[in-house]
């Protein structure tokens, strides 16, 4: 049975899109057909990790929401570009980007859109593309679109940093996810400085939220140097961080 997985954070800068892209690639390496939707319409960015630019993006999620196309027409098969980096990609990856054109972002901010179309679109994508997994890269914070994405998800990964602001904001998101009865809820603590005791961080987070920690991801100089110019797990397959991300991917589809 197909699964819908949302990746969310209470605020920006946590590494949410990077985590989404890496989990997507690692699931494809397991031979799965994976779709990934950028629903961060106000500040899209995951397309960069897949090597796309404004010139190479055709249809977008915005076009579907405005009735200009079917959502499957906005799906870009990015499999070959990933295979050019890693021969481990056995499945397929389809990216549905949000528009990065300033005028179209402004139109969304000004006019909004029918959030109900997202649910219909997600279900059609799964059916039309015969997806094993649909990954949703959400907008930070809580709004109508985010609540919808969380509500229909089989699994939710909440990305946070070991930061007091993140601790407070994440508690709100966890409470909302529980009220929406998400079947598989995981926390991911990202960008943890190497001077921290990782086991202690995990215990603290799990005790604070009474929720499983799916991964403790260290601050990585290699990821900083990569600067979103590619997917970390494919560029650094033997890095310990990649092994942690792969275990997270397995836990999300369990």
Foldseek 3Di string as FASTA:
>chain_A
DAFEEEEAEQAPDLCRLLLLVLLQQLVLLVAFEEEEEEAQQLDWDSVLQLPDDLVRQDDAPLCVQVPNDQQVVQWDWSQVVLCVLPVSRNYTYTYHTHHPDPVSSVCCVVPNTDLVVVVVRVVCCCVVVVGNYYYYHHHHRDDPNVLVSLLRGLEYEYGAEPDPVRLVSVLVVLVSSVVSPRPHYEYEYEQAEPVDDQVVVQVVSCVSNVHHHLYYYHRDPVVVVCVSNYRPCSNCVPDPNNVSSSSSSVSRSD
